[in-house]
Protein backbone atom coordinates (compact mmCIF):
# COMPACT_ATOMS: atom_id res chain seq x y z
CA MET A 1 -65.81 -46.67 -121.84
CA LEU A 2 -67.82 -45.29 -118.91
CA VAL A 3 -66.33 -45.22 -115.41
CA VAL A 4 -68.66 -44.66 -112.48
CA SER A 5 -67.20 -43.79 -109.09
CA ALA A 6 -68.92 -44.44 -105.79
CA GLY A 7 -67.87 -40.98 -104.65
CA VAL A 8 -66.35 -42.07 -101.34
CA ARG A 9 -63.38 -39.94 -100.44
CA GLY A 10 -60.53 -40.71 -98.08
CA ASP A 11 -61.56 -38.03 -95.61
CA GLU A 12 -64.89 -39.77 -95.08
CA TYR A 13 -63.04 -42.95 -94.07
CA GLU A 14 -60.85 -40.88 -91.77
CA TYR A 15 -63.94 -39.33 -90.17
CA GLN A 16 -65.52 -42.75 -89.64
CA LEU A 17 -62.31 -44.08 -88.09
CA MET A 18 -62.01 -41.13 -85.70
CA GLU A 19 -65.67 -41.48 -84.72
CA HIS A 20 -65.13 -45.17 -83.99
CA LEU A 21 -61.88 -44.67 -82.05
CA LEU A 22 -63.20 -41.79 -79.94
CA SER A 23 -66.69 -43.12 -79.23
CA GLY A 24 -67.17 -43.12 -75.48
CA TYR A 25 -64.03 -41.00 -74.93
CA ASP A 26 -64.24 -38.67 -71.94
CA PRO A 27 -61.48 -36.01 -71.96
CA ARG A 28 -62.04 -35.31 -68.25
CA ILE A 29 -60.60 -38.71 -67.31
CA ARG A 30 -56.85 -39.19 -67.28
CA PRO A 31 -55.03 -42.50 -66.95
CA SER A 32 -53.57 -42.69 -63.47
CA ILE A 33 -53.35 -45.16 -60.63
CA ASN A 34 -54.39 -42.55 -58.06
CA SER A 35 -56.47 -39.67 -59.41
CA SER A 36 -55.80 -37.57 -56.31
CA GLU A 37 -52.10 -37.31 -57.19
CA PRO A 38 -51.14 -34.21 -59.16
CA LEU A 39 -50.16 -34.43 -62.81
CA ASN A 40 -46.92 -32.60 -63.56
CA VAL A 41 -47.08 -30.66 -66.82
CA THR A 42 -44.17 -28.48 -67.92
CA PHE A 43 -44.56 -25.81 -70.58
CA GLY A 44 -41.83 -23.88 -72.32
CA LEU A 45 -41.69 -21.37 -75.15
CA ALA A 46 -38.80 -20.96 -77.55
CA LEU A 47 -38.83 -17.81 -79.65
CA ALA A 48 -37.71 -18.66 -83.18
CA GLN A 49 -38.31 -15.41 -85.05
CA ILE A 50 -39.81 -11.94 -84.68
CA ILE A 51 -41.69 -11.51 -87.93
CA ASP A 52 -43.21 -8.04 -87.57
CA VAL A 53 -43.98 -5.28 -85.09
CA VAL A 54 -47.07 -3.21 -85.86
CA SER A 55 -47.83 0.02 -84.03
CA ILE A 56 -51.49 0.82 -83.56
CA ILE A 57 -52.31 4.38 -82.58
CA HIS A 58 -55.94 4.71 -81.69
CA ARG A 59 -57.15 5.76 -78.26
CA THR A 60 -54.25 4.03 -76.62
CA ARG A 61 -50.80 3.48 -77.99
CA ALA A 62 -50.29 -0.23 -78.54
CA GLN A 63 -48.05 -2.56 -80.48
CA THR A 64 -48.78 -5.94 -81.96
CA LEU A 65 -45.93 -8.41 -82.19
CA LEU A 66 -46.09 -11.17 -84.80
CA ILE A 67 -43.76 -13.99 -83.83
CA HIS A 68 -42.88 -17.56 -84.70
CA LEU A 69 -42.32 -19.72 -81.64
CA PHE A 70 -42.17 -23.30 -80.51
CA ILE A 71 -44.27 -24.61 -77.64
CA VAL A 72 -42.51 -27.33 -75.71
CA LYS A 73 -44.53 -29.42 -73.29
CA SER A 74 -43.80 -32.49 -71.29
CA ILE A 75 -46.18 -34.58 -69.25
CA TYR A 76 -45.00 -37.27 -66.89
CA GLN A 77 -47.55 -39.89 -65.94
CA THR A 78 -46.55 -42.77 -63.71
CA TYR A 79 -49.32 -44.93 -65.18
CA VAL A 80 -47.85 -44.74 -68.69
CA ARG A 81 -44.70 -46.81 -68.79
CA SER A 82 -42.30 -47.05 -71.70
CA ALA A 83 -41.24 -50.44 -73.05
CA VAL A 84 -37.80 -51.58 -71.96
């Protein structure tokens, strides 16, 4: 028995879908009723773990800190309403 595959992988379908969904997308445009109103974006960092501290002694004394952290962001847009 001989099985011949077309050779189409799932990631090719994913690529085609993303190309279709994002065609004509302009990241400079944001959904808002009045574009002159500011967009409030809040960022926060939560330190989860200090993994390692490495001292580098070259011309200047420096340390590199390897950490694991969480980035918390919230964006409030008046144009985007949640379903009630």
